[in-house]
Amino acid sequence: MKRKRDRLEVIYDILKIIRHYNNSIKPTPLLRYSNLSSQSFSEYLSELLKKGFIKEIIDENGRKFFTLTDKGFEYLEKYKLIIGFINEFEL
């Protein structure tokens, strides 16, 4: 049986999805690819915006996109280091 993702892993997945789509993705595809309920997705999104990991961009046609901030890119790098450490020491 596959285990549930923990909070840090969900944040990593959301940020990784944004980066994968050229650092610009609309809310609906992000929700779909993140594989979260809409309520959980809203809570994570709110936290990521508030803490400055992502920012919301509205284009000239009024469409909303999310992009990573420098802090978001840094989280992705540090998370990989932490996972590498955990795997290396078989924790």
Protein backbone atom coordinates (compact mmCIF):
# COMPACT_ATOMS: atom_id res chain seq x y z
CA MET A 1 0.00 0.00 0.00
CA LYS A 2 1.33 3.41 -0.89
CA ARG A 3 1.84 5.84 1.97
CA LYS A 4 0.28 9.28 2.14
CA ARG A 5 2.47 12.24 1.26
CA ASP A 6 3.59 14.35 4.17
CA ARG A 7 3.19 18.11 4.25
CA LEU A 8 6.74 18.91 3.04
CA GLU A 9 6.37 16.45 0.17
CA VAL A 10 3.07 18.01 -0.95
CA ILE A 11 4.68 21.46 -0.92
CA TYR A 12 7.60 20.08 -2.93
CA ASP A 13 5.22 18.51 -5.45
CA ILE A 14 3.26 21.74 -5.94
CA LEU A 15 6.43 23.80 -6.43
CA LYS A 16 7.91 21.16 -8.75
CA ILE A 17 4.77 21.22 -10.92
CA ILE A 18 4.96 25.00 -11.26
CA ARG A 19 8.64 24.82 -12.21
CA HIS A 20 7.97 22.02 -14.71
CA TYR A 21 5.47 24.20 -16.59
CA ASN A 22 8.02 26.93 -17.32
CA ASN A 23 7.36 28.56 -13.96
CA SER A 24 3.86 29.63 -14.99
CA ILE A 25 0.70 27.58 -14.52
CA LYS A 26 -3.01 28.32 -14.16
CA PRO A 27 -4.79 27.29 -10.94
CA THR A 28 -6.97 24.52 -12.43
CA PRO A 29 -4.16 22.48 -14.03
CA LEU A 30 -2.09 22.96 -10.88
CA LEU A 31 -4.96 21.57 -8.80
CA ARG A 32 -5.36 18.62 -11.16
CA TYR A 33 -1.65 17.74 -11.27
CA SER A 34 -1.16 18.16 -7.52
CA ASN A 35 -3.68 15.38 -6.84
CA LEU A 36 -5.24 17.13 -3.84
CA SER A 37 -8.82 17.87 -2.88
CA SER A 38 -9.86 21.41 -3.74
CA GLN A 39 -10.02 22.31 -0.05
CA SER A 40 -6.52 20.97 0.70
CA PHE A 41 -5.22 22.62 -2.45
CA SER A 42 -6.63 25.99 -1.38
CA GLU A 43 -5.04 25.67 2.05
CA TYR A 44 -1.61 24.82 0.62
CA LEU A 45 -1.86 27.55 -2.00
CA SER A 46 -2.81 30.13 0.61
CA GLU A 47 0.14 29.11 2.79
CA LEU A 48 2.61 29.18 -0.12
CA LEU A 49 1.42 32.64 -1.18
CA LYS A 50 1.52 33.98 2.38
CA LYS A 51 5.02 32.63 3.02
CA GLY A 52 6.35 33.91 -0.29
CA PHE A 53 7.14 30.62 -2.05
CA ILE A 54 4.89 31.48 -5.00
CA LYS A 55 3.26 34.59 -6.38
CA GLU A 56 0.10 35.19 -8.31
CA ILE A 57 0.33 36.90 -11.67
CA ILE A 58 -2.69 38.24 -13.54
CA ASP A 59 -2.08 38.84 -17.24
CA GLU A 60 -3.59 41.55 -19.43
CA ASN A 61 -6.60 39.32 -20.17
CA GLY A 62 -7.35 38.79 -16.50
CA ARG A 63 -6.08 35.20 -16.40
CA LYS A 64 -4.44 34.05 -13.18
CA PHE A 65 -1.09 32.23 -13.12
CA PHE A 66 1.20 31.07 -10.35
CA THR A 67 4.98 31.38 -10.52
CA LEU A 68 7.79 30.47 -8.14
CA THR A 69 9.70 33.11 -6.23
CA ASP A 70 13.39 32.80 -5.40
CA LYS A 71 12.31 31.34 -2.06
CA GLY A 72 10.29 28.67 -3.91
CA PHE A 73 13.26 27.70 -6.07
CA GLU A 74 15.44 27.55 -2.95
CA TYR A 75 12.93 25.23 -1.24
CA LEU A 76 13.14 22.82 -4.19
CA GLU A 77 16.92 22.68 -3.94
CA LYS A 78 17.02 22.28 -0.15
CA TYR A 79 14.31 19.61 -0.20
CA LYS A 80 16.42 17.54 -2.64
CA LEU A 81 19.38 17.82 -0.24
CA ILE A 82 17.27 16.68 2.70
CA ILE A 83 15.87 13.69 0.79
CA GLY A 84 19.38 12.81 -0.37
CA PHE A 85 20.53 12.86 3.25
CA ILE A 86 17.61 10.68 4.37
CA ASN A 87 18.23 8.16 1.60
CA GLU A 88 21.99 8.12 2.11
CA PHE A 89 21.62 7.22 5.78
CA GLU A 90 18.59 4.97 5.15
CA LEU A 91 16.42 6.91 7.60
